[in-house]
């Protein structure tokens, strides 16, 4: 299974996409002790990866859970509608800086 990587820049203030992957921002209120992903930014990153990297057509609503920790090896699932069908992608943290992988939809 191919995976595409996105990065969450801790100091980032704007911009949630790039040609390679999504750039989710830290959630408001996140601290150095407990950093969490911003769900909306992760959703944008997942959309970008699905459409631009995996070339998936018909990507609709994406829903990722709130307050997912930026912890190496931690994974969480996002629900995705593709051509009206409910699918799931797995987002896996690669490090403590917010770099993550997005699986192909299942």
PDB file of N, CA and C in Angstrom:
ATOM      1  N   UNK A   1       0.838  -1.160   0.000  1.00  0.00           N
ATOM      2  CA  UNK A   1       0.000   0.000   0.000  1.00  0.00           C
ATOM      3  C   UNK A   1       0.893   1.236   0.000  1.00  0.00           C
ATOM      4  N   UNK A   2       0.656   2.152  -0.916  1.00  0.00           N
ATOM      5  CA  UNK A   2       1.429   3.385  -0.998  1.00  0.00           C
ATOM      6  C   UNK A   2       0.922   4.376   0.037  1.00  0.00           C
ATOM      7  N   UNK A   3       1.818   5.155   0.570  1.00  0.00           N
ATOM      8  CA  UNK A   3       1.464   6.191   1.521  1.00  0.00           C
ATOM      9  C   UNK A   3       2.072   7.497   1.067  1.00  0.00           C
ATOM     10  N   UNK A   4       1.352   8.585   1.271  1.00  0.00           N
ATOM     11  CA  UNK A   4       1.855   9.909   0.958  1.00  0.00           C
ATOM     12  C   UNK A   4       2.003  10.653   2.267  1.00  0.00           C
ATOM     13  N   UNK A   5       3.037  11.439   2.379  1.00  0.00           N
ATOM     14  CA  UNK A   5       3.382  12.112   3.622  1.00  0.00           C
ATOM     15  C   UNK A   5       2.969  13.571   3.585  1.00  0.00           C
ATOM     16  N   UNK A   6       2.416  14.051   4.694  1.00  0.00           N
ATOM     17  CA  UNK A   6       2.136  15.461   4.899  1.00  0.00           C
ATOM     18  C   UNK A   6       2.930  15.925   6.100  1.00  0.00           C
ATOM     19  N   UNK A   7       3.034  17.232   6.279  1.00  0.00           N
ATOM     20  CA  UNK A   7       3.813  17.767   7.392  1.00  0.00           C
ATOM     21  C   UNK A   7       3.015  18.857   8.097  1.00  0.00           C
ATOM     22  N   UNK A   8       3.047  18.841   9.421  1.00  0.00           N
ATOM     23  CA  UNK A   8       2.441  19.886  10.239  1.00  0.00           C
ATOM     24  C   UNK A   8       3.570  20.753  10.764  1.00  0.00           C
ATOM     25  N   UNK A   9       3.735  21.942  10.237  1.00  0.00           N
ATOM     26  CA  UNK A   9       4.788  22.831  10.707  1.00  0.00           C
ATOM     27  C   UNK A   9       4.365  23.528  11.978  1.00  0.00           C
ATOM     28  N   UNK A  10       5.135  23.373  13.021  1.00  0.00           N
ATOM     29  CA  UNK A  10       4.784  23.951  14.316  1.00  0.00           C
ATOM     30  C   UNK A  10       4.714  25.463  14.236  1.00  0.00           C
ATOM     31  N   UNK A  11       5.610  26.084  13.491  1.00  0.00           N
ATOM     32  CA  UNK A  11       5.620  27.533  13.395  1.00  0.00           C
ATOM     33  C   UNK A  11       4.791  28.080  12.255  1.00  0.00           C
ATOM     34  N   UNK A  12       4.110  27.220  11.500  1.00  0.00           N
ATOM     35  CA  UNK A  12       3.341  27.669  10.342  1.00  0.00           C
ATOM     36  C   UNK A  12       2.182  28.545  10.787  1.00  0.00           C
ATOM     37  N   UNK A  13       1.914  29.580  10.005  1.00  0.00           N
ATOM     38  CA  UNK A  13       0.799  30.457  10.323  1.00  0.00           C
ATOM     39  C   UNK A  13      -0.244  30.500   9.221  1.00  0.00           C
ATOM     40  N   UNK A  14       0.093  30.082   8.022  1.00  0.00           N
ATOM     41  CA  UNK A  14      -0.878  30.115   6.932  1.00  0.00           C
ATOM     42  C   UNK A  14      -0.522  29.065   5.908  1.00  0.00           C
ATOM     43  N   UNK A  15      -1.488  28.727   5.091  1.00  0.00           N
ATOM     44  CA  UNK A  15      -1.264  27.769   4.011  1.00  0.00           C
ATOM     45  C   UNK A  15      -1.429  26.350   4.491  1.00  0.00           C
ATOM     46  N   UNK A  16      -2.316  25.603   3.848  1.00  0.00           N
ATOM     47  CA  UNK A  16      -2.587  24.239   4.283  1.00  0.00           C
ATOM     48  C   UNK A  16      -2.344  23.217   3.193  1.00  0.00           C
ATOM     49  N   UNK A  17      -1.783  23.611   2.059  1.00  0.00           N
ATOM     50  CA  UNK A  17      -1.560  22.644   0.995  1.00  0.00           C
ATOM     51  C   UNK A  17      -0.222  22.901   0.327  1.00  0.00           C
ATOM     52  N   UNK A  18       0.274  21.894  -0.343  1.00  0.00           N
ATOM     53  CA  UNK A  18       1.453  22.030  -1.182  1.00  0.00           C
ATOM     54  C   UNK A  18       1.306  21.051  -2.321  1.00  0.00           C
ATOM     55  N   UNK A  19       2.242  21.047  -3.243  1.00  0.00           N
ATOM     56  CA  UNK A  19       2.170  20.127  -4.371  1.00  0.00           C
ATOM     57  C   UNK A  19       2.347  18.687  -3.916  1.00  0.00           C
ATOM     58  N   UNK A  20       3.023  18.484  -2.797  1.00  0.00           N
ATOM     59  CA  UNK A  20       3.324  17.135  -2.345  1.00  0.00           C
ATOM     60  C   UNK A  20       2.343  16.638  -1.305  1.00  0.00           C
ATOM     61  N   UNK A  21       1.957  17.486  -0.361  1.00  0.00           N
ATOM     62  CA  UNK A  21       1.124  16.989   0.727  1.00  0.00           C
ATOM     63  C   UNK A  21       0.449  18.132   1.446  1.00  0.00           C
ATOM     64  N   UNK A  22      -0.459  17.793   2.374  1.00  0.00           N
ATOM     65  CA  UNK A  22      -1.139  18.784   3.178  1.00  0.00           C
ATOM     66  C   UNK A  22      -0.243  19.308   4.276  1.00  0.00           C
ATOM     67  N   UNK A  23      -0.526  20.515   4.733  1.00  0.00           N
ATOM     68  CA  UNK A  23       0.238  21.115   5.816  1.00  0.00           C
ATOM     69  C   UNK A  23      -0.719  21.537   6.925  1.00  0.00           C
ATOM     70  N   UNK A  24      -1.203  20.618   7.739  1.00  0.00           N
ATOM     71  CA  UNK A  24      -2.104  21.012   8.806  1.00  0.00           C
ATOM     72  C   UNK A  24      -1.387  21.835   9.858  1.00  0.00           C
ATOM     73  N   UNK A  25      -2.113  22.737  10.464  1.00  0.00           N
ATOM     74  CA  UNK A  25      -1.555  23.603  11.494  1.00  0.00           C
ATOM     75  C   UNK A  25      -1.856  23.029  12.868  1.00  0.00           C
ATOM     76  N   UNK A  26      -1.042  23.379  13.868  1.00  0.00           N
ATOM     77  CA  UNK A  26      -1.373  22.955  15.222  1.00  0.00           C
ATOM     78  C   UNK A  26      -2.719  23.547  15.629  1.00  0.00           C
ATOM     79  N   UNK A  27      -3.485  22.838  16.389  1.00  0.00           N
ATOM     80  CA  UNK A  27      -4.792  23.314  16.825  1.00  0.00           C
ATOM     81  C   UNK A  27      -4.626  24.462  17.805  1.00  0.00           C
ATOM     82  N   UNK A  28      -5.601  25.397  17.829  1.00  0.00           N
ATOM     83  CA  UNK A  28      -5.546  26.468  18.821  1.00  0.00           C
ATOM     84  C   UNK A  28      -5.498  25.873  20.220  1.00  0.00           C
ATOM     85  N   UNK A  29      -4.663  26.429  21.068  1.00  0.00           N
ATOM     86  CA  UNK A  29      -4.550  25.946  22.434  1.00  0.00           C
ATOM     87  C   UNK A  29      -3.573  24.804  22.619  1.00  0.00           C
ATOM     88  N   UNK A  30      -2.995  24.302  21.523  1.00  0.00           N
ATOM     89  CA  UNK A  30      -2.012  23.225  21.648  1.00  0.00           C
ATOM     90  C   UNK A  30      -0.755  23.784  22.307  1.00  0.00           C
ATOM     91  N   UNK A  31      -0.128  22.993  23.156  1.00  0.00           N
ATOM     92  CA  UNK A  31       1.083  23.431  23.835  1.00  0.00           C
ATOM     93  C   UNK A  31       2.233  22.515  23.457  1.00  0.00           C
ATOM     94  N   UNK A  32       3.434  22.899  23.881  1.00  0.00           N
ATOM     95  CA  UNK A  32       4.608  22.067  23.604  1.00  0.00           C
ATOM     96  C   UNK A  32       4.467  20.704  24.273  1.00  0.00           C
ATOM     97  N   UNK A  33       3.807  20.659  25.440  1.00  0.00           N
ATOM     98  CA  UNK A  33       3.632  19.387  26.132  1.00  0.00           C
ATOM     99  C   UNK A  33       2.601  18.501  25.448  1.00  0.00           C
ATOM    100  N   UNK A  34       1.554  19.078  24.901  1.00  0.00           N
ATOM    101  CA  UNK A  34       0.496  18.296  24.262  1.00  0.00           C
ATOM    102  C   UNK A  34       0.086  18.985  22.967  1.00  0.00           C
ATOM    103  N   UNK A  35       0.757  18.615  21.899  1.00  0.00           N
ATOM    104  CA  UNK A  35       0.415  19.172  20.599  1.00  0.00           C
ATOM    105  C   UNK A  35      -0.610  18.267  19.938  1.00  0.00           C
ATOM    106  N   UNK A  36      -1.596  18.892  19.309  1.00  0.00           N
ATOM    107  CA  UNK A  36      -2.644  18.147  18.618  1.00  0.00           C
ATOM    108  C   UNK A  36      -2.807  18.714  17.209  1.00  0.00           C
ATOM    109  N   UNK A  37      -3.316  17.872  16.313  1.00  0.00           N
ATOM    110  CA  UNK A  37      -3.600  18.315  14.960  1.00  0.00           C
ATOM    111  C   UNK A  37      -4.886  19.131  14.932  1.00  0.00           C
ATOM    112  N   UNK A  38      -4.940  20.108  14.054  1.00  0.00           N
ATOM    113  CA  UNK A  38      -6.158  20.838  13.761  1.00  0.00           C
ATOM    114  C   UNK A  38      -6.952  19.994  12.761  1.00  0.00           C
ATOM    115  N   UNK A  39      -8.125  19.510  13.155  1.00  0.00           N
ATOM    116  CA  UNK A  39      -8.899  18.574  12.331  1.00  0.00           C
ATOM    117  C   UNK A  39      -9.223  19.151  10.959  1.00  0.00           C
ATOM    118  N   UNK A  40      -9.587  20.416  10.901  1.00  0.00           N
ATOM    119  CA  UNK A  40      -9.930  21.046   9.624  1.00  0.00           C
ATOM    120  C   UNK A  40      -8.735  21.072   8.677  1.00  0.00           C
ATOM    121  N   UNK A  41      -7.565  21.378   9.217  1.00  0.00           N
ATOM    122  CA  UNK A  41      -6.357  21.407   8.390  1.00  0.00           C
ATOM    123  C   UNK A  41      -5.972  20.001   7.929  1.00  0.00           C
ATOM    124  N   UNK A  42      -6.153  18.997   8.793  1.00  0.00           N
ATOM    125  CA  UNK A  42      -5.876  17.614   8.391  1.00  0.00           C
ATOM    126  C   UNK A  42      -6.835  17.210   7.276  1.00  0.00           C
ATOM    127  N   UNK A  43      -8.100  17.586   7.403  1.00  0.00           N
ATOM    128  CA  UNK A  43      -9.079  17.279   6.356  1.00  0.00           C
ATOM    129  C   UNK A  43      -8.656  17.884   5.023  1.00  0.00           C
ATOM    130  N   UNK A  44      -8.182  19.136   5.050  1.00  0.00           N
ATOM    131  CA  UNK A  44      -7.682  19.770   3.823  1.00  0.00           C
ATOM    132  C   UNK A  44      -6.482  19.012   3.270  1.00  0.00           C
ATOM    133  N   UNK A  45      -5.579  18.590   4.154  1.00  0.00           N
ATOM    134  CA  UNK A  45      -4.403  17.842   3.726  1.00  0.00           C
ATOM    135  C   UNK A  45      -4.764  16.494   3.136  1.00  0.00           C
ATOM    136  N   UNK A  46      -5.717  15.797   3.759  1.00  0.00           N
ATOM    137  CA  UNK A  46      -6.174  14.503   3.242  1.00  0.00           C
ATOM    138  C   UNK A  46      -6.780  14.691   1.859  1.00  0.00           C
ATOM    139  N   UNK A  47      -7.621  15.719   1.681  1.00  0.00           N
ATOM    140  CA  UNK A  47      -8.224  15.995   0.370  1.00  0.00           C
ATOM    141  C   UNK A  47      -7.143  16.227  -0.684  1.00  0.00           C
ATOM    142  N   UNK A  48      -6.173  17.051  -0.343  1.00  0.00           N
ATOM    143  CA  UNK A  48      -5.088  17.355  -1.277  1.00  0.00           C
ATOM    144  C   UNK A  48      -4.330  16.091  -1.675  1.00  0.00           C
ATOM    145  N   UNK A  49      -4.005  15.272  -0.697  1.00  0.00           N
ATOM    146  CA  UNK A  49      -3.263  14.035  -0.969  1.00  0.00           C
ATOM    147  C   UNK A  49      -4.093  13.089  -1.832  1.00  0.00           C
ATOM    148  N   UNK A  50      -5.374  12.926  -1.494  1.00  0.00           N
ATOM    149  CA  UNK A  50      -6.225  12.023  -2.275  1.00  0.00           C
ATOM    150  C   UNK A  50      -6.358  12.496  -3.719  1.00  0.00           C
ATOM    151  N   UNK A  51      -6.602  13.787  -3.902  1.00  0.00           N
ATOM    152  CA  UNK A  51      -6.842  14.310  -5.247  1.00  0.00           C
ATOM    153  C   UNK A  51      -5.564  14.488  -6.057  1.00  0.00           C
ATOM    154  N   UNK A  52      -4.527  15.044  -5.444  1.00  0.00           N
ATOM    155  CA  UNK A  52      -3.325  15.401  -6.195  1.00  0.00           C
ATOM    156  C   UNK A  52      -2.308  14.274  -6.277  1.00  0.00           C
ATOM    157  N   UNK A  53      -2.170  13.491  -5.226  1.00  0.00           N
ATOM    158  CA  UNK A  53      -1.147  12.447  -5.219  1.00  0.00           C
ATOM    159  C   UNK A  53      -1.694  11.085  -5.628  1.00  0.00           C
ATOM    160  N   UNK A  54      -2.858  10.729  -5.071  1.00  0.00           N
ATOM    161  CA  UNK A  54      -3.451   9.438  -5.416  1.00  0.00           C
ATOM    162  C   UNK A  54      -4.361   9.533  -6.638  1.00  0.00           C
ATOM    163  N   UNK A  55      -4.677  10.769  -7.069  1.00  0.00           N
ATOM    164  CA  UNK A  55      -5.530  11.002  -8.246  1.00  0.00           C
ATOM    165  C   UNK A  55      -6.917  10.376  -8.088  1.00  0.00           C
ATOM    166  N   UNK A  56      -7.479  10.487  -6.898  1.00  0.00           N
ATOM    167  CA  UNK A  56      -8.814   9.965  -6.627  1.00  0.00           C
ATOM    168  C   UNK A  56      -9.835  11.002  -7.099  1.00  0.00           C
ATOM    169  N   UNK A  57     -10.793  10.570  -7.917  1.00  0.00           N
ATOM    170  CA  UNK A  57     -11.871  11.440  -8.380  1.00  0.00           C
ATOM    171  C   UNK A  57     -13.075  11.297  -7.458  1.00  0.00           C
ATOM    172  N   UNK A  58     -13.894  12.341  -7.404  1.00  0.00           N
ATOM    173  CA  UNK A  58     -15.141  12.274  -6.656  1.00  0.00           C
ATOM    174  C   UNK A  58     -14.997  12.381  -5.155  1.00  0.00           C
ATOM    175  N   UNK A  59     -13.917  13.030  -4.671  1.00  0.00           N
ATOM    176  CA  UNK A  59     -13.733  13.187  -3.225  1.00  0.00           C
ATOM    177  C   UNK A  59     -14.750  14.203  -2.714  1.00  0.00           C
ATOM    178  N   UNK A  60     -15.556  13.786  -1.757  1.00  0.00           N
ATOM    179  CA  UNK A  60     -16.569  14.657  -1.167  1.00  0.00           C
ATOM    180  C   UNK A  60     -16.193  15.051   0.242  1.00  0.00           C
ATOM    181  N   UNK A  61     -17.149  14.921   1.147  1.00  0.00           N
ATOM    182  CA  UNK A  61     -16.954  15.311   2.541  1.00  0.00           C
ATOM    183  C   UNK A  61     -15.872  14.458   3.204  1.00  0.00           C
ATOM    184  N   UNK A  62     -15.037  15.128   4.002  1.00  0.00           N
ATOM    185  CA  UNK A  62     -13.996  14.458   4.785  1.00  0.00           C
ATOM    186  C   UNK A  62     -14.192  14.863   6.240  1.00  0.00           C
ATOM    187  N   UNK A  63     -14.124  13.896   7.136  1.00  0.00           N
ATOM    188  CA  UNK A  63     -14.301  14.169   8.558  1.00  0.00           C
ATOM    189  C   UNK A  63     -13.207  13.466   9.356  1.00  0.00           C
ATOM    190  N   UNK A  64     -12.363  14.280  10.003  1.00  0.00           N
ATOM    191  CA  UNK A  64     -11.301  13.749  10.866  1.00  0.00           C
ATOM    192  C   UNK A  64     -11.615  14.134  12.311  1.00  0.00           C
ATOM    193  N   UNK A  65     -11.267  13.284  13.265  1.00  0.00           N
ATOM    194  CA  UNK A  65     -11.558  13.588  14.669  1.00  0.00           C
ATOM    195  C   UNK A  65     -10.720  14.759  15.187  1.00  0.00           C
ATOM    196  N   UNK A  66     -11.291  15.470  16.131  1.00  0.00           N
ATOM    197  CA  UNK A  66     -10.621  16.605  16.775  1.00  0.00           C
ATOM    198  C   UNK A  66      -9.543  16.126  17.746  1.00  0.00           C
ATOM    199  N   UNK A  67      -8.583  17.009  18.019  1.00  0.00           N
ATOM    200  CA  UNK A  67      -7.602  16.848  19.098  1.00  0.00           C
ATOM    201  C   UNK A  67      -6.787  15.563  19.042  1.00  0.00           C
ATOM    202  N   UNK A  68      -6.396  15.149  17.837  1.00  0.00           N
ATOM    203  CA  UNK A  68      -5.547  13.960  17.718  1.00  0.00           C
ATOM    204  C   UNK A  68      -4.106  14.357  18.021  1.00  0.00           C
ATOM    205  N   UNK A  69      -3.430  13.642  18.909  1.00  0.00           N
ATOM    206  CA  UNK A  69      -2.095  14.043  19.351  1.00  0.00           C
ATOM    207  C   UNK A  69      -1.030  13.875  18.273  1.00  0.00           C
ATOM    208  N   UNK A  70      -0.050  14.762  18.311  1.00  0.00           N
ATOM    209  CA  UNK A  70       1.112  14.677  17.426  1.00  0.00           C
ATOM    210  C   UNK A  70       2.153  13.844  18.168  1.00  0.00           C
ATOM    211  N   UNK A  71       2.030  12.516  18.034  1.00  0.00           N
ATOM    212  CA  UNK A  71       2.888  11.551  18.720  1.00  0.00           C
ATOM    213  C   UNK A  71       3.359  10.529  17.698  1.00  0.00           C
ATOM    214  N   UNK A  72       4.656  10.294  17.642  1.00  0.00           N
ATOM    215  CA  UNK A  72       5.212   9.345  16.677  1.00  0.00           C
ATOM    216  C   UNK A  72       4.531   7.982  16.795  1.00  0.00           C
ATOM    217  N   UNK A  73       4.093   7.460  15.641  1.00  0.00           N
ATOM    218  CA  UNK A  73       3.480   6.142  15.592  1.00  0.00           C
ATOM    219  C   UNK A  73       1.986   6.117  15.856  1.00  0.00           C
ATOM    220  N   UNK A  74       1.428   7.220  16.354  1.00  0.00           N
ATOM    221  CA  UNK A  74      -0.008   7.270  16.647  1.00  0.00           C
ATOM    222  C   UNK A  74      -0.798   7.370  15.343  1.00  0.00           C
ATOM    223  N   UNK A  75      -1.874   6.595  15.222  1.00  0.00           N
ATOM    224  CA  UNK A  75      -2.724   6.609  14.029  1.00  0.00           C
ATOM    225  C   UNK A  75      -4.161   6.931  14.400  1.00  0.00           C
ATOM    226  N   UNK A  76      -4.854   7.550  13.464  1.00  0.00           N
ATOM    227  CA  UNK A  76      -6.292   7.776  13.607  1.00  0.00           C
ATOM    228  C   UNK A  76      -6.933   7.700  12.230  1.00  0.00           C
ATOM    229  N   UNK A  77      -8.246   7.508  12.221  1.00  0.00           N
ATOM    230  CA  UNK A  77      -8.978   7.334  10.965  1.00  0.00           C
ATOM    231  C   UNK A  77      -9.791   8.586  10.644  1.00  0.00           C
ATOM    232  N   UNK A  78      -9.877   8.870   9.350  1.00  0.00           N
ATOM    233  CA  UNK A  78     -10.749   9.923   8.856  1.00  0.00           C
ATOM    234  C   UNK A  78     -11.759   9.289   7.908  1.00  0.00           C
ATOM    235  N   UNK A  79     -13.012   9.711   8.009  1.00  0.00           N
ATOM    236  CA  UNK A  79     -14.050   9.249   7.092  1.00  0.00           C
ATOM    237  C   UNK A  79     -14.026  10.126   5.848  1.00  0.00           C
ATOM    238  N   UNK A  80     -14.184   9.487   4.692  1.00  0.00           N
ATOM    239  CA  UNK A  80     -14.142  10.190   3.410  1.00  0.00           C
ATOM    240  C   UNK A  80     -15.292   9.686   2.547  1.00  0.00           C
ATOM    241  N   UNK A  81     -15.975  10.598   1.878  1.00  0.00           N
ATOM    242  CA  UNK A  81     -16.984  10.220   0.878  1.00  0.00           C
ATOM    243  C   UNK A  81     -16.327  10.309  -0.494  1.00  0.00           C
ATOM    244  N   UNK A  82     -16.363   9.193  -1.222  1.00  0.00           N
ATOM    245  CA  UNK A  82     -15.813   9.148  -2.578  1.00  0.00           C
ATOM    246  C   UNK A  82     -16.920   8.643  -3.489  1.00  0.00           C
ATOM    247  N   UNK A  83     -17.339   9.519  -4.407  1.00  0.00           N
ATOM    248  CA  UNK A  83     -18.468   9.207  -5.291  1.00  0.00           C
ATOM    249  C   UNK A  83     -19.674   8.728  -4.491  1.00  0.00           C
ATOM    250  N   UNK A  84     -19.888   9.353  -3.327  1.00  0.00           N
ATOM    251  CA  UNK A  84     -21.033   9.037  -2.483  1.00  0.00           C
ATOM    252  C   UNK A  84     -20.847   7.861  -1.544  1.00  0.00           C
ATOM    253  N   UNK A  85     -19.813   7.060  -1.749  1.00  0.00           N
ATOM    254  CA  UNK A  85     -19.570   5.891  -0.897  1.00  0.00           C
ATOM    255  C   UNK A  85     -18.698   6.281   0.293  1.00  0.00           C
ATOM    256  N   UNK A  86     -19.020   5.722   1.468  1.00  0.00           N
ATOM    257  CA  UNK A  86     -18.229   6.005   2.670  1.00  0.00           C
ATOM    258  C   UNK A  86     -16.972   5.149   2.659  1.00  0.00           C
ATOM    259  N   UNK A  87     -15.831   5.809   2.783  1.00  0.00           N
ATOM    260  CA  UNK A  87     -14.528   5.151   2.842  1.00  0.00           C
ATOM    261  C   UNK A  87     -13.788   5.673   4.073  1.00  0.00           C
ATOM    262  N   UNK A  88     -12.660   5.047   4.373  1.00  0.00           N
ATOM    263  CA  UNK A  88     -11.823   5.454   5.496  1.00  0.00           C
ATOM    264  C   UNK A  88     -10.374   5.531   5.050  1.00  0.00           C
ATOM    265  N   UNK A  89      -9.656   6.544   5.558  1.00  0.00           N
ATOM    266  CA  UNK A  89      -8.204   6.596   5.391  1.00  0.00           C
ATOM    267  C   UNK A  89      -7.592   6.588   6.783  1.00  0.00           C
ATOM    268  N   UNK A  90      -6.388   6.070   6.877  1.00  0.00           N
ATOM    269  CA  UNK A  90      -5.656   6.061   8.142  1.00  0.00           C
ATOM    270  C   UNK A  90      -4.547   7.099   8.053  1.00  0.00           C
ATOM    271  N   UNK A  91      -4.498   7.981   9.041  1.00  0.00           N
ATOM    272  CA  UNK A  91      -3.450   8.995   9.155  1.00  0.00           C
ATOM    273  C   UNK A  91      -2.516   8.524  10.263  1.00  0.00           C
ATOM    274  N   UNK A  92      -1.232   8.355   9.940  1.00  0.00           N
ATOM    275  CA  UNK A  92      -0.251   7.856  10.903  1.00  0.00           C
ATOM    276  C   UNK A  92       0.862   8.877  11.077  1.00  0.00           C
ATOM    277  N   UNK A  93       1.110   9.274  12.333  1.00  0.00           N
ATOM    278  CA  UNK A  93       2.198  10.217  12.626  1.00  0.00           C
ATOM    279  C   UNK A  93       3.543   9.534  12.434  1.00  0.00           C
ATOM    280  N   UNK A  94       4.415  10.162  11.669  1.00  0.00           N
ATOM    281  CA  UNK A  94       5.751   9.617  11.439  1.00  0.00           C
ATOM    282  C   UNK A  94       6.763  10.114  12.459  1.00  0.00           C
ATOM    283  N   UNK A  95       6.488  11.254  13.095  1.00  0.00           N
ATOM    284  CA  UNK A  95       7.428  11.820  14.063  1.00  0.00           C
ATOM    285  C   UNK A  95       6.675  12.735  15.019  1.00  0.00           C
ATOM    286  N   UNK A  96       7.407  13.458  15.863  1.00  0.00           N
ATOM    287  CA  UNK A  96       6.777  14.367  16.818  1.00  0.00           C
ATOM    288  C   UNK A  96       6.667  15.787  16.285  1.00  0.00           C
ATOM    289  N   UNK A  97       7.065  15.997  15.034  1.00  0.00           N
ATOM    290  CA  UNK A  97       6.977  17.316  14.413  1.00  0.00           C
ATOM    291  C   UNK A  97       5.710  17.476  13.585  1.00  0.00           C
ATOM    292  N   UNK A  98       4.927  16.416  13.449  1.00  0.00           N
ATOM    293  CA  UNK A  98       3.673  16.502  12.714  1.00  0.00           C
ATOM    294  C   UNK A  98       3.708  15.927  11.316  1.00  0.00           C
ATOM    295  N   UNK A  99       4.808  15.278  10.946  1.00  0.00           N
ATOM    296  CA  UNK A  99       4.846  14.613   9.649  1.00  0.00           C
ATOM    297  C   UNK A  99       3.969  13.371   9.736  1.00  0.00           C
ATOM    298  N   UNK A 100       3.113  13.176   8.722  1.00  0.00           N
ATOM    299  CA  UNK A 100       2.181  12.059   8.776  1.00  0.00           C
ATOM    300  C   UNK A 100       2.031  11.403   7.417  1.00  0.00           C
ATOM    301  N   UNK A 101       1.506  10.180   7.437  1.00  0.00           N
ATOM    302  CA  UNK A 101       1.211   9.421   6.229  1.00  0.00           C
ATOM    303  C   UNK A 101      -0.298   9.282   6.113  1.00  0.00           C
ATOM    304  N   UNK A 102      -0.782   9.246   4.872  1.00  0.00           N
ATOM    305  CA  UNK A 102      -2.197   9.014   4.607  1.00  0.00           C
ATOM    306  C   UNK A 102      -2.305   7.761   3.754  1.00  0.00           C
ATOM    307  N   UNK A 103      -3.098   6.797   4.208  1.00  0.00           N
ATOM    308  CA  UNK A 103      -3.266   5.553   3.459  1.00  0.00           C
ATOM    309  C   UNK A 103      -4.211   5.760   2.283  1.00  0.00           C
ATOM    310  N   UNK A 104      -4.226   4.797   1.393  1.00  0.00           N
ATOM    311  CA  UNK A 104      -5.238   4.768   0.343  1.00  0.00           C
ATOM    312  C   UNK A 104      -6.600   4.538   0.990  1.00  0.00           C
ATOM    313  N   UNK A 105      -7.670   5.056   0.397  1.00  0.00           N
ATOM    314  CA  UNK A 105      -9.004   4.838   0.967  1.00  0.00           C
ATOM    315  C   UNK A 105      -9.404   3.369   0.941  1.00  0.00           C
ATOM    316  N   UNK A 106     -10.066   2.935   1.999  1.00  0.00           N
ATOM    317  CA  UNK A 106     -10.583   1.561   2.085  1.00  0.00           C
ATOM    318  C   UNK A 106     -12.084   1.605   2.272  1.00  0.00           C
TER     319      UNK A 106
END
